[in-house]
Amino acid sequence: MKMLKRILVLIALVCSYSINAQTVDEIISNYFENTGGVENWEKIEGVKMSAKVNQGGMEIPIEIVQLKSGKMMTTINFQGQSIKQGVFDGEVLWSTNFMTQKAEKSDEEAINMVKNEMN
């Protein structure tokens, strides 16, 4: 008898919890509402991220820019030089060769990988 009561209480608790649970759509809707609204999110044209990496006691600033159009670029400032990595114009991916300090076009596999990430 006690076991039956425990099972019934457990079922009642589970049912009441699922009734009060938010759906995924409600959570997303609340998030957009609390962060300025969907209209303002749609106006965003790009994102700029700044970071610092500590390597061997040196602090290396990094800046990543990604645009809505699919273009992106990473800039690394190292020992007074500004090095561009992963520069993507929507069609071609370019990176700086650290040995020659010259821009090099990436192979098709890398370009396709970036295109897939942008979608």
PDB file of N, CA and C in Angstrom:
ATOM      1  N   MET A   1       0.812  -1.193   0.000  1.00  0.00           N
ATOM      2  CA  MET A   1       0.000   0.000   0.000  1.00  0.00           C
ATOM      3  C   MET A   1       0.860   1.263   0.000  1.00  0.00           C
ATOM      4  N   LYS A   2       1.927   1.254   0.833  1.00  0.00           N
ATOM      5  CA  LYS A   2       2.813   2.418   0.867  1.00  0.00           C
ATOM      6  C   LYS A   2       3.496   2.615  -0.481  1.00  0.00           C
ATOM      7  N   MET A   3       3.846   1.514  -1.115  1.00  0.00           N
ATOM      8  CA  MET A   3       4.508   1.587  -2.415  1.00  0.00           C
ATOM      9  C   MET A   3       3.582   2.210  -3.445  1.00  0.00           C
ATOM     10  N   LEU A   4       2.311   1.861  -3.424  1.00  0.00           N
ATOM     11  CA  LEU A   4       1.333   2.412  -4.355  1.00  0.00           C
ATOM     12  C   LEU A   4       1.181   3.915  -4.146  1.00  0.00           C
ATOM     13  N   LYS A   5       1.151   4.350  -2.897  1.00  0.00           N
ATOM     14  CA  LYS A   5       1.051   5.783  -2.592  1.00  0.00           C
ATOM     15  C   LYS A   5       2.276   6.531  -3.114  1.00  0.00           C
ATOM     16  N   ARG A   6       3.432   5.938  -2.922  1.00  0.00           N
ATOM     17  CA  ARG A   6       4.668   6.579  -3.394  1.00  0.00           C
ATOM     18  C   ARG A   6       4.673   6.710  -4.918  1.00  0.00           C
ATOM     19  N   ILE A   7       4.230   5.671  -5.585  1.00  0.00           N
ATOM     20  CA  ILE A   7       4.179   5.710  -7.051  1.00  0.00           C
ATOM     21  C   ILE A   7       3.196   6.770  -7.518  1.00  0.00           C
ATOM     22  N   LEU A   8       2.027   6.852  -6.873  1.00  0.00           N
ATOM     23  CA  LEU A   8       1.030   7.862  -7.246  1.00  0.00           C
ATOM     24  C   LEU A   8       1.551   9.281  -7.006  1.00  0.00           C
ATOM     25  N   VAL A   9       2.231   9.492  -5.889  1.00  0.00           N
ATOM     26  CA  VAL A   9       2.814  10.808  -5.602  1.00  0.00           C
ATOM     27  C   VAL A   9       3.878  11.147  -6.639  1.00  0.00           C
ATOM     28  N   LEU A  10       4.700  10.182  -6.997  1.00  0.00           N
ATOM     29  CA  LEU A  10       5.740  10.400  -8.002  1.00  0.00           C
ATOM     30  C   LEU A  10       5.132  10.753  -9.356  1.00  0.00           C
ATOM     31  N   ILE A  11       4.094  10.038  -9.751  1.00  0.00           N
ATOM     32  CA  ILE A  11       3.417  10.334 -11.020  1.00  0.00           C
ATOM     33  C   ILE A  11       2.812  11.732 -10.988  1.00  0.00           C
ATOM     34  N   ALA A  12       2.196  12.102  -9.871  1.00  0.00           N
ATOM     35  CA  ALA A  12       1.600  13.438  -9.741  1.00  0.00           C
ATOM     36  C   ALA A  12       2.669  14.523  -9.845  1.00  0.00           C
ATOM     37  N   LEU A  13       3.818  14.303  -9.224  1.00  0.00           N
ATOM     38  CA  LEU A  13       4.905  15.286  -9.294  1.00  0.00           C
ATOM     39  C   LEU A  13       5.438  15.430 -10.712  1.00  0.00           C
ATOM     40  N   VAL A  14       5.636  14.327 -11.393  1.00  0.00           N
ATOM     41  CA  VAL A  14       6.148  14.360 -12.766  1.00  0.00           C
ATOM     42  C   VAL A  14       5.162  15.074 -13.675  1.00  0.00           C
ATOM     43  N   CYS A  15       3.886  14.766 -13.529  1.00  0.00           N
ATOM     44  CA  CYS A  15       2.865  15.414 -14.370  1.00  0.00           C
ATOM     45  C   CYS A  15       2.782  16.908 -14.101  1.00  0.00           C
ATOM     46  N   SER A  16       2.837  17.299 -12.835  1.00  0.00           N
ATOM     47  CA  SER A  16       2.743  18.731 -12.526  1.00  0.00           C
ATOM     48  C   SER A  16       3.982  19.474 -13.011  1.00  0.00           C
ATOM     49  N   TYR A  17       5.139  18.835 -12.990  1.00  0.00           N
ATOM     50  CA  TYR A  17       6.357  19.481 -13.474  1.00  0.00           C
ATOM     51  C   TYR A  17       6.289  19.703 -14.981  1.00  0.00           C
ATOM     52  N   SER A  18       5.843  18.695 -15.720  1.00  0.00           N
ATOM     53  CA  SER A  18       5.792  18.836 -17.176  1.00  0.00           C
ATOM     54  C   SER A  18       4.726  19.833 -17.608  1.00  0.00           C
ATOM     55  N   ILE A  19       3.679  20.012 -16.827  1.00  0.00           N
ATOM     56  CA  ILE A  19       2.645  20.998 -17.151  1.00  0.00           C
ATOM     57  C   ILE A  19       3.209  22.409 -17.043  1.00  0.00           C
ATOM     58  N   ASN A  20       4.078  22.651 -16.078  1.00  0.00           N
ATOM     59  CA  ASN A  20       4.633  23.984 -15.854  1.00  0.00           C
ATOM     60  C   ASN A  20       5.904  24.254 -16.648  1.00  0.00           C
ATOM     61  N   ALA A  21       6.432  23.265 -17.325  1.00  0.00           N
ATOM     62  CA  ALA A  21       7.688  23.432 -18.060  1.00  0.00           C
ATOM     63  C   ALA A  21       7.483  24.320 -19.283  1.00  0.00           C
ATOM     64  N   GLN A  22       8.503  25.131 -19.590  1.00  0.00           N
ATOM     65  CA  GLN A  22       8.461  25.986 -20.774  1.00  0.00           C
ATOM     66  C   GLN A  22       8.841  25.175 -22.003  1.00  0.00           C
ATOM     67  N   THR A  23       8.259  25.557 -23.116  1.00  0.00           N
ATOM     68  CA  THR A  23       8.647  24.928 -24.373  1.00  0.00           C
ATOM     69  C   THR A  23       9.893  25.630 -24.905  1.00  0.00           C
ATOM     70  N   VAL A  24      10.537  25.019 -25.874  1.00  0.00           N
ATOM     71  CA  VAL A  24      11.720  25.620 -26.499  1.00  0.00           C
ATOM     72  C   VAL A  24      11.354  26.957 -27.130  1.00  0.00           C
ATOM     73  N   ASP A  25      10.206  27.004 -27.803  1.00  0.00           N
ATOM     74  CA  ASP A  25       9.776  28.248 -28.449  1.00  0.00           C
ATOM     75  C   ASP A  25       9.563  29.366 -27.435  1.00  0.00           C
ATOM     76  N   GLU A  26       9.020  29.039 -26.264  1.00  0.00           N
ATOM     77  CA  GLU A  26       8.819  30.050 -25.221  1.00  0.00           C
ATOM     78  C   GLU A  26      10.155  30.570 -24.702  1.00  0.00           C
ATOM     79  N   ILE A  27      11.101  29.685 -24.517  1.00  0.00           N
ATOM     80  CA  ILE A  27      12.423  30.095 -24.025  1.00  0.00           C
ATOM     81  C   ILE A  27      13.095  31.021 -25.031  1.00  0.00           C
ATOM     82  N   ILE A  28      13.060  30.648 -26.309  1.00  0.00           N
ATOM     83  CA  ILE A  28      13.683  31.474 -27.349  1.00  0.00           C
ATOM     84  C   ILE A  28      12.972  32.813 -27.465  1.00  0.00           C
ATOM     85  N   SER A  29      11.647  32.796 -27.440  1.00  0.00           N
ATOM     86  CA  SER A  29      10.871  34.034 -27.526  1.00  0.00           C
ATOM     87  C   SER A  29      11.196  34.967 -26.363  1.00  0.00           C
ATOM     88  N   ASN A  30      11.268  34.425 -25.153  1.00  0.00           N
ATOM     89  CA  ASN A  30      11.615  35.234 -23.979  1.00  0.00           C
ATOM     90  C   ASN A  30      13.023  35.797 -24.090  1.00  0.00           C
ATOM     91  N   TYR A  31      13.943  35.008 -24.615  1.00  0.00           N
ATOM     92  CA  TYR A  31      15.318  35.478 -24.766  1.00  0.00           C
ATOM     93  C   TYR A  31      15.375  36.675 -25.709  1.00  0.00           C
ATOM     94  N   PHE A  32      14.750  36.544 -26.884  1.00  0.00           N
ATOM     95  CA  PHE A  32      14.751  37.659 -27.836  1.00  0.00           C
ATOM     96  C   PHE A  32      14.084  38.891 -27.240  1.00  0.00           C
ATOM     97  N   GLU A  33      12.983  38.698 -26.525  1.00  0.00           N
ATOM     98  CA  GLU A  33      12.271  39.822 -25.911  1.00  0.00           C
ATOM     99  C   GLU A  33      13.148  40.531 -24.876  1.00  0.00           C
ATOM    100  N   ASN A  34      13.886  39.755 -24.091  1.00  0.00           N
ATOM    101  CA  ASN A  34      14.728  40.329 -23.037  1.00  0.00           C
ATOM    102  C   ASN A  34      16.028  40.933 -23.555  1.00  0.00           C
ATOM    103  N   THR A  35      16.385  40.648 -24.815  1.00  0.00           N
ATOM    104  CA  THR A  35      17.634  41.185 -25.367  1.00  0.00           C
ATOM    105  C   THR A  35      17.395  42.167 -26.509  1.00  0.00           C
ATOM    106  N   GLY A  36      16.235  42.818 -26.521  1.00  0.00           N
ATOM    107  CA  GLY A  36      16.013  43.895 -27.484  1.00  0.00           C
ATOM    108  C   GLY A  36      15.001  43.612 -28.567  1.00  0.00           C
ATOM    109  N   GLY A  37      14.536  42.403 -28.691  1.00  0.00           N
ATOM    110  CA  GLY A  37      13.525  42.074 -29.684  1.00  0.00           C
ATOM    111  C   GLY A  37      14.116  41.519 -30.969  1.00  0.00           C
ATOM    112  N   VAL A  38      13.309  40.749 -31.685  1.00  0.00           N
ATOM    113  CA  VAL A  38      13.739  40.103 -32.924  1.00  0.00           C
ATOM    114  C   VAL A  38      14.129  41.138 -33.968  1.00  0.00           C
ATOM    115  N   GLU A  39      13.398  42.262 -34.025  1.00  0.00           N
ATOM    116  CA  GLU A  39      13.687  43.296 -35.026  1.00  0.00           C
ATOM    117  C   GLU A  39      15.115  43.820 -34.879  1.00  0.00           C
ATOM    118  N   ASN A  40      15.544  44.050 -33.650  1.00  0.00           N
ATOM    119  CA  ASN A  40      16.910  44.539 -33.428  1.00  0.00           C
ATOM    120  C   ASN A  40      17.951  43.471 -33.749  1.00  0.00           C
ATOM    121  N   TRP A  41      17.648  42.207 -33.466  1.00  0.00           N
ATOM    122  CA  TRP A  41      18.577  41.133 -33.817  1.00  0.00           C
ATOM    123  C   TRP A  41      18.747  41.039 -35.325  1.00  0.00           C
ATOM    124  N   GLU A  42      17.667  41.260 -36.076  1.00  0.00           N
ATOM    125  CA  GLU A  42      17.738  41.190 -37.538  1.00  0.00           C
ATOM    126  C   GLU A  42      18.549  42.337 -38.131  1.00  0.00           C
ATOM    127  N   LYS A  43      18.711  43.433 -37.398  1.00  0.00           N
ATOM    128  CA  LYS A  43      19.489  44.583 -37.871  1.00  0.00           C
ATOM    129  C   LYS A  43      20.997  44.360 -37.742  1.00  0.00           C
ATOM    130  N   ILE A  44      21.402  43.371 -36.965  1.00  0.00           N
ATOM    131  CA  ILE A  44      22.833  43.120 -36.753  1.00  0.00           C
ATOM    132  C   ILE A  44      23.468  42.673 -38.063  1.00  0.00           C
ATOM    133  N   GLU A  45      24.527  43.357 -38.475  1.00  0.00           N
ATOM    134  CA  GLU A  45      25.222  43.049 -39.728  1.00  0.00           C
ATOM    135  C   GLU A  45      26.475  42.214 -39.509  1.00  0.00           C
ATOM    136  N   GLY A  46      26.988  42.209 -38.283  1.00  0.00           N
ATOM    137  CA  GLY A  46      28.198  41.449 -38.024  1.00  0.00           C
ATOM    138  C   GLY A  46      28.516  41.397 -36.546  1.00  0.00           C
ATOM    139  N   VAL A  47      29.530  40.610 -36.223  1.00  0.00           N
ATOM    140  CA  VAL A  47      29.970  40.438 -34.850  1.00  0.00           C
ATOM    141  C   VAL A  47      31.478  40.633 -34.810  1.00  0.00           C
ATOM    142  N   LYS A  48      31.952  41.369 -33.802  1.00  0.00           N
ATOM    143  CA  LYS A  48      33.385  41.582 -33.611  1.00  0.00           C
ATOM    144  C   LYS A  48      33.743  41.051 -32.223  1.00  0.00           C
ATOM    145  N   MET A  49      34.696  40.119 -32.183  1.00  0.00           N
ATOM    146  CA  MET A  49      35.125  39.529 -30.920  1.00  0.00           C
ATOM    147  C   MET A  49      36.593  39.865 -30.690  1.00  0.00           C
ATOM    148  N   SER A  50      36.910  40.261 -29.490  1.00  0.00           N
ATOM    149  CA  SER A  50      38.294  40.550 -29.122  1.00  0.00           C
ATOM    150  C   SER A  50      38.714  39.593 -28.012  1.00  0.00           C
ATOM    151  N   ALA A  51      39.956  39.108 -28.107  1.00  0.00           N
ATOM    152  CA  ALA A  51      40.464  38.172 -27.107  1.00  0.00           C
ATOM    153  C   ALA A  51      41.957  38.398 -26.930  1.00  0.00           C
ATOM    154  N   LYS A  52      42.485  37.837 -25.870  1.00  0.00           N
ATOM    155  CA  LYS A  52      43.923  37.866 -25.626  1.00  0.00           C
ATOM    156  C   LYS A  52      44.364  36.455 -25.283  1.00  0.00           C
ATOM    157  N   VAL A  53      45.466  36.032 -25.892  1.00  0.00           N
ATOM    158  CA  VAL A  53      46.029  34.711 -25.643  1.00  0.00           C
ATOM    159  C   VAL A  53      47.364  34.905 -24.943  1.00  0.00           C
ATOM    160  N   ASN A  54      47.584  34.173 -23.873  1.00  0.00           N
ATOM    161  CA  ASN A  54      48.874  34.206 -23.190  1.00  0.00           C
ATOM    162  C   ASN A  54      49.678  32.991 -23.618  1.00  0.00           C
ATOM    163  N   GLN A  55      50.807  33.250 -24.269  1.00  0.00           N
ATOM    164  CA  GLN A  55      51.667  32.178 -24.755  1.00  0.00           C
ATOM    165  C   GLN A  55      53.099  32.478 -24.343  1.00  0.00           C
ATOM    166  N   GLY A  56      53.663  31.642 -23.530  1.00  0.00           N
ATOM    167  CA  GLY A  56      55.051  31.814 -23.113  1.00  0.00           C
ATOM    168  C   GLY A  56      55.310  33.142 -22.422  1.00  0.00           C
ATOM    169  N   GLY A  57      54.342  33.606 -21.638  1.00  0.00           N
ATOM    170  CA  GLY A  57      54.497  34.871 -20.931  1.00  0.00           C
ATOM    171  C   GLY A  57      54.192  36.098 -21.772  1.00  0.00           C
ATOM    172  N   MET A  58      53.855  35.906 -23.038  1.00  0.00           N
ATOM    173  CA  MET A  58      53.510  37.032 -23.917  1.00  0.00           C
ATOM    174  C   MET A  58      51.996  37.072 -24.097  1.00  0.00           C
ATOM    175  N   GLU A  59      51.458  38.282 -24.096  1.00  0.00           N
ATOM    176  CA  GLU A  59      50.035  38.468 -24.330  1.00  0.00           C
ATOM    177  C   GLU A  59      49.818  38.830 -25.800  1.00  0.00           C
ATOM    178  N   ILE A  60      49.031  38.036 -26.503  1.00  0.00           N
ATOM    179  CA  ILE A  60      48.810  38.229 -27.940  1.00  0.00           C
ATOM    180  C   ILE A  60      47.344  38.591 -28.164  1.00  0.00           C
ATOM    181  N   PRO A  61      47.066  39.841 -28.594  1.00  0.00           N
ATOM    182  CA  PRO A  61      45.678  40.228 -28.867  1.00  0.00           C
ATOM    183  C   PRO A  61      45.179  39.643 -30.191  1.00  0.00           C
ATOM    184  N   ILE A  62      43.928  39.200 -30.184  1.00  0.00           N
ATOM    185  CA  ILE A  62      43.290  38.624 -31.364  1.00  0.00           C
ATOM    186  C   ILE A  62      41.940  39.308 -31.552  1.00  0.00           C
ATOM    187  N   GLU A  63      41.607  39.574 -32.805  1.00  0.00           N
ATOM    188  CA  GLU A  63      40.310  40.165 -33.130  1.00  0.00           C
ATOM    189  C   GLU A  63      39.673  39.344 -34.256  1.00  0.00           C
ATOM    190  N   ILE A  64      38.436  38.933 -34.059  1.00  0.00           N
ATOM    191  CA  ILE A  64      37.710  38.145 -35.058  1.00  0.00           C
ATOM    192  C   ILE A  64      36.477  38.932 -35.484  1.00  0.00           C
ATOM    193  N   VAL A  65      36.315  39.099 -36.796  1.00  0.00           N
ATOM    194  CA  VAL A  65      35.157  39.803 -37.344  1.00  0.00           C
ATOM    195  C   VAL A  65      34.416  38.840 -38.261  1.00  0.00           C
ATOM    196  N   GLN A  66      33.110  38.688 -38.022  1.00  0.00           N
ATOM    197  CA  GLN A  66      32.259  37.865 -38.882  1.00  0.00           C
ATOM    198  C   GLN A  66      31.062  38.702 -39.303  1.00  0.00           C
ATOM    199  N   LEU A  67      30.793  38.743 -40.605  1.00  0.00           N
ATOM    200  CA  LEU A  67      29.687  39.523 -41.135  1.00  0.00           C
ATOM    201  C   LEU A  67      28.526  38.622 -41.524  1.00  0.00           C
ATOM    202  N   LYS A  68      27.350  39.204 -41.544  1.00  0.00           N
ATOM    203  CA  LYS A  68      26.134  38.480 -41.905  1.00  0.00           C
ATOM    204  C   LYS A  68      26.232  37.892 -43.315  1.00  0.00           C
ATOM    205  N   SER A  69      26.968  38.559 -44.176  1.00  0.00           N
ATOM    206  CA  SER A  69      27.108  38.122 -45.569  1.00  0.00           C
ATOM    207  C   SER A  69      27.982  36.877 -45.716  1.00  0.00           C
ATOM    208  N   GLY A  70      28.628  36.434 -44.623  1.00  0.00           N
ATOM    209  CA  GLY A  70      29.470  35.242 -44.679  1.00  0.00           C
ATOM    210  C   GLY A  70      30.952  35.557 -44.728  1.00  0.00           C
ATOM    211  N   LYS A  71      31.301  36.836 -44.777  1.00  0.00           N
ATOM    212  CA  LYS A  71      32.716  37.207 -44.794  1.00  0.00           C
ATOM    213  C   LYS A  71      33.249  37.178 -43.365  1.00  0.00           C
ATOM    214  N   MET A  72      34.556  36.887 -43.248  1.00  0.00           N
ATOM    215  CA  MET A  72      35.164  36.870 -41.919  1.00  0.00           C
ATOM    216  C   MET A  72      36.665  37.111 -42.009  1.00  0.00           C
ATOM    217  N   MET A  73      37.249  37.491 -40.864  1.00  0.00           N
ATOM    218  CA  MET A  73      38.684  37.750 -40.810  1.00  0.00           C
ATOM    219  C   MET A  73      39.143  37.665 -39.357  1.00  0.00           C
ATOM    220  N   THR A  74      40.306  37.080 -39.159  1.00  0.00           N
ATOM    221  CA  THR A  74      40.940  37.042 -37.849  1.00  0.00           C
ATOM    222  C   THR A  74      42.246  37.820 -37.940  1.00  0.00           C
ATOM    223  N   THR A  75      42.444  38.767 -37.024  1.00  0.00           N
ATOM    224  CA  THR A  75      43.666  39.569 -36.981  1.00  0.00           C
ATOM    225  C   THR A  75      44.411  39.246 -35.690  1.00  0.00           C
ATOM    226  N   ILE A  76      45.692  38.916 -35.831  1.00  0.00           N
ATOM    227  CA  ILE A  76      46.548  38.609 -34.689  1.00  0.00           C
ATOM    228  C   ILE A  76      47.648  39.660 -34.652  1.00  0.00           C
ATOM    229  N   ASN A  77      47.778  40.351 -33.533  1.00  0.00           N
ATOM    230  CA  ASN A  77      48.845  41.345 -33.380  1.00  0.00           C
ATOM    231  C   ASN A  77      49.962  40.708 -32.565  1.00  0.00           C
ATOM    232  N   PHE A  78      51.101  40.477 -33.246  1.00  0.00           N
ATOM    233  CA  PHE A  78      52.196  39.752 -32.625  1.00  0.00           C
ATOM    234  C   PHE A  78      53.506  40.456 -32.917  1.00  0.00           C
ATOM    235  N   GLN A  79      54.203  40.862 -31.887  1.00  0.00           N
ATOM    236  CA  GLN A  79      55.499  41.534 -31.984  1.00  0.00           C
ATOM    237  C   GLN A  79      55.453  42.711 -32.954  1.00  0.00           C
ATOM    238  N   GLY A  80      54.430  43.526 -32.821  1.00  0.00           N
ATOM    239  CA  GLY A  80      54.319  44.733 -33.635  1.00  0.00           C
ATOM    240  C   GLY A  80      53.786  44.511 -35.036  1.00  0.00           C
ATOM    241  N   GLN A  81      53.487  43.280 -35.391  1.00  0.00           N
ATOM    242  CA  GLN A  81      52.959  42.992 -36.724  1.00  0.00           C
ATOM    243  C   GLN A  81      51.494  42.580 -36.625  1.00  0.00           C
ATOM    244  N   SER A  82      50.730  42.999 -37.616  1.00  0.00           N
ATOM    245  CA  SER A  82      49.332  42.612 -37.712  1.00  0.00           C
ATOM    246  C   SER A  82      49.221  41.494 -38.748  1.00  0.00           C
ATOM    247  N   ILE A  83      48.865  40.308 -38.290  1.00  0.00           N
ATOM    248  CA  ILE A  83      48.804  39.137 -39.164  1.00  0.00           C
ATOM    249  C   ILE A  83      47.341  38.769 -39.373  1.00  0.00           C
ATOM    250  N   LYS A  84      46.958  38.624 -40.632  1.00  0.00           N
ATOM    251  CA  LYS A  84      45.587  38.250 -40.981  1.00  0.00           C
ATOM    252  C   LYS A  84      45.535  36.745 -41.238  1.00  0.00           C
ATOM    253  N   GLN A  85      44.600  36.081 -40.601  1.00  0.00           N
ATOM    254  CA  GLN A  85      44.395  34.646 -40.782  1.00  0.00           C
ATOM    255  C   GLN A  85      42.922  34.403 -41.081  1.00  0.00           C
ATOM    256  N   GLY A  86      42.639  33.399 -41.864  1.00  0.00           N
ATOM    257  CA  GLY A  86      41.256  33.024 -42.127  1.00  0.00           C
ATOM    258  C   GLY A  86      40.432  34.137 -42.726  1.00  0.00           C
ATOM    259  N   VAL A  87      40.997  34.863 -43.690  1.00  0.00           N
ATOM    260  CA  VAL A  87      40.269  35.942 -44.360  1.00  0.00           C
ATOM    261  C   VAL A  87      39.417  35.303 -45.458  1.00  0.00           C
ATOM    262  N   PHE A  88      38.099  35.422 -45.297  1.00  0.00           N
ATOM    263  CA  PHE A  88      37.169  34.774 -46.228  1.00  0.00           C
ATOM    264  C   PHE A  88      36.233  35.826 -46.805  1.00  0.00           C
ATOM    265  N   ASP A  89      36.229  35.936 -48.141  1.00  0.00           N
ATOM    266  CA  ASP A  89      35.398  36.947 -48.806  1.00  0.00           C
ATOM    267  C   ASP A  89      34.079  36.378 -49.318  1.00  0.00           C
ATOM    268  N   GLY A  90      33.757  35.167 -48.924  1.00  0.00           N
ATOM    269  CA  GLY A  90      32.551  34.515 -49.390  1.00  0.00           C
ATOM    270  C   GLY A  90      32.838  33.474 -50.452  1.00  0.00           C
ATOM    271  N   GLU A  91      33.993  33.578 -51.091  1.00  0.00           N
ATOM    272  CA  GLU A  91      34.372  32.639 -52.151  1.00  0.00           C
ATOM    273  C   GLU A  91      35.758  32.041 -51.938  1.00  0.00           C
ATOM    274  N   VAL A  92      36.706  32.850 -51.477  1.00  0.00           N
ATOM    275  CA  VAL A  92      38.102  32.414 -51.349  1.00  0.00           C
ATOM    276  C   VAL A  92      38.567  32.640 -49.909  1.00  0.00           C
ATOM    277  N   LEU A  93      39.327  31.681 -49.387  1.00  0.00           N
ATOM    278  CA  LEU A  93      39.890  31.760 -48.047  1.00  0.00           C
ATOM    279  C   LEU A  93      41.386  32.026 -48.152  1.00  0.00           C
ATOM    280  N   TRP A  94      41.837  33.080 -47.471  1.00  0.00           N
ATOM    281  CA  TRP A  94      43.249  33.447 -47.479  1.00  0.00           C
ATOM    282  C   TRP A  94      43.796  33.393 -46.055  1.00  0.00           C
ATOM    283  N   SER A  95      45.063  33.034 -45.934  1.00  0.00           N
ATOM    284  CA  SER A  95      45.762  33.046 -44.652  1.00  0.00           C
ATOM    285  C   SER A  95      47.189  33.509 -44.873  1.00  0.00           C
ATOM    286  N   THR A  96      47.808  33.991 -43.821  1.00  0.00           N
ATOM    287  CA  THR A  96      49.198  34.432 -43.892  1.00  0.00           C
ATOM    288  C   THR A  96      50.112  33.261 -43.552  1.00  0.00           C
ATOM    289  N   ASN A  97      51.099  33.019 -44.400  1.00  0.00           N
ATOM    290  CA  ASN A  97      52.120  32.020 -44.121  1.00  0.00           C
ATOM    291  C   ASN A  97      53.067  32.629 -43.091  1.00  0.00           C
ATOM    292  N   PHE A  98      53.205  31.997 -41.933  1.00  0.00           N
ATOM    293  CA  PHE A  98      54.020  32.568 -40.861  1.00  0.00           C
ATOM    294  C   PHE A  98      55.508  32.614 -41.210  1.00  0.00           C
ATOM    295  N   MET A  99      55.962  31.747 -42.101  1.00  0.00           N
ATOM    296  CA  MET A  99      57.377  31.739 -42.475  1.00  0.00           C
ATOM    297  C   MET A  99      57.707  32.851 -43.467  1.00  0.00           C
ATOM    298  N   THR A 100      56.866  33.019 -44.488  1.00  0.00           N
ATOM    299  CA  THR A 100      57.156  34.009 -45.536  1.00  0.00           C
ATOM    300  C   THR A 100      56.445  35.339 -45.311  1.00  0.00           C
ATOM    301  N   GLN A 101      55.470  35.351 -44.391  1.00  0.00           N
ATOM    302  CA  GLN A 101      54.644  36.534 -44.123  1.00  0.00           C
ATOM    303  C   GLN A 101      53.877  36.999 -45.361  1.00  0.00           C
ATOM    304  N   LYS A 102      53.550  36.081 -46.252  1.00  0.00           N
ATOM    305  CA  LYS A 102      52.792  36.403 -47.461  1.00  0.00           C
ATOM    306  C   LYS A 102      51.441  35.703 -47.411  1.00  0.00           C
ATOM    307  N   ALA A 103      50.466  36.340 -48.059  1.00  0.00           N
ATOM    308  CA  ALA A 103      49.127  35.759 -48.127  1.00  0.00           C
ATOM    309  C   ALA A 103      49.126  34.561 -49.062  1.00  0.00           C
ATOM    310  N   GLU A 104      48.431  33.506 -48.642  1.00  0.00           N
ATOM    311  CA  GLU A 104      48.321  32.306 -49.462  1.00  0.00           C
ATOM    312  C   GLU A 104      46.861  31.883 -49.540  1.00  0.00           C
ATOM    313  N   LYS A 105      46.446  31.517 -50.747  1.00  0.00           N
ATOM    314  CA  LYS A 105      45.092  31.031 -50.957  1.00  0.00           C
ATOM    315  C   LYS A 105      44.994  29.605 -50.414  1.00  0.00           C
ATOM    316  N   SER A 106      43.931  29.329 -49.678  1.00  0.00           N
ATOM    317  CA  SER A 106      43.736  27.991 -49.114  1.00  0.00           C
ATOM    318  C   SER A 106      43.217  27.032 -50.172  1.00  0.00           C
ATOM    319  N   ASP A 107      43.353  25.742 -49.897  1.00  0.00           N
ATOM    320  CA  ASP A 107      42.878  24.734 -50.849  1.00  0.00           C
ATOM    321  C   ASP A 107      41.348  24.625 -50.816  1.00  0.00           C
ATOM    322  N   GLU A 108      40.808  23.928 -51.800  1.00  0.00           N
ATOM    323  CA  GLU A 108      39.349  23.817 -51.951  1.00  0.00           C
ATOM    324  C   GLU A 108      38.689  23.173 -50.737  1.00  0.00           C
ATOM    325  N   GLU A 109      39.363  22.206 -50.127  1.00  0.00           N
ATOM    326  CA  GLU A 109      38.789  21.534 -48.961  1.00  0.00           C
ATOM    327  C   GLU A 109      38.571  22.521 -47.816  1.00  0.00           C
ATOM    328  N   ALA A 110      39.559  23.363 -47.545  1.00  0.00           N
ATOM    329  CA  ALA A 110      39.434  24.362 -46.483  1.00  0.00           C
ATOM    330  C   ALA A 110      38.359  25.390 -46.824  1.00  0.00           C
ATOM    331  N   ILE A 111      38.303  25.804 -48.096  1.00  0.00           N
ATOM    332  CA  ILE A 111      37.290  26.775 -48.529  1.00  0.00           C
ATOM    333  C   ILE A 111      35.892  26.192 -48.342  1.00  0.00           C
ATOM    334  N   ASN A 112      35.693  24.947 -48.763  1.00  0.00           N
ATOM    335  CA  ASN A 112      34.385  24.308 -48.621  1.00  0.00           C
ATOM    336  C   ASN A 112      33.998  24.125 -47.158  1.00  0.00           C
ATOM    337  N   MET A 113      34.975  23.848 -46.309  1.00  0.00           N
ATOM    338  CA  MET A 113      34.705  23.697 -44.891  1.00  0.00           C
ATOM    339  C   MET A 113      34.190  25.011 -44.299  1.00  0.00           C
ATOM    340  N   VAL A 114      34.823  26.127 -44.661  1.00  0.00           N
ATOM    341  CA  VAL A 114      34.386  27.432 -44.166  1.00  0.00           C
ATOM    342  C   VAL A 114      33.002  27.773 -44.713  1.00  0.00           C
ATOM    343  N   LYS A 115      32.761  27.481 -45.981  1.00  0.00           N
ATOM    344  CA  LYS A 115      31.435  27.734 -46.568  1.00  0.00           C
ATOM    345  C   LYS A 115      30.355  26.958 -45.823  1.00  0.00           C
ATOM    346  N   ASN A 116      30.639  25.710 -45.480  1.00  0.00           N
ATOM    347  CA  ASN A 116      29.669  24.902 -44.740  1.00  0.00           C
ATOM    348  C   ASN A 116      29.428  25.447 -43.339  1.00  0.00           C
ATOM    349  N   GLU A 117      30.476  25.966 -42.698  1.00  0.00           N
ATOM    350  CA  GLU A 117      30.331  26.537 -41.362  1.00  0.00           C
ATOM    351  C   GLU A 117      29.483  27.799 -41.385  1.00  0.00           C
ATOM    352  N   MET A 118      29.541  28.540 -42.481  1.00  0.00           N
ATOM    353  CA  MET A 118      28.800  29.795 -42.584  1.00  0.00           C
ATOM    354  C   MET A 118      27.305  29.572 -42.810  1.00  0.00           C
ATOM    355  N   ASN A 119      26.936  28.397 -43.259  1.00  0.00           N
ATOM    356  CA  ASN A 119      25.508  28.135 -43.538  1.00  0.00           C
ATOM    357  C   ASN A 119      24.785  27.672 -42.325  1.00  0.00           C
TER     358      ASN A 119
END
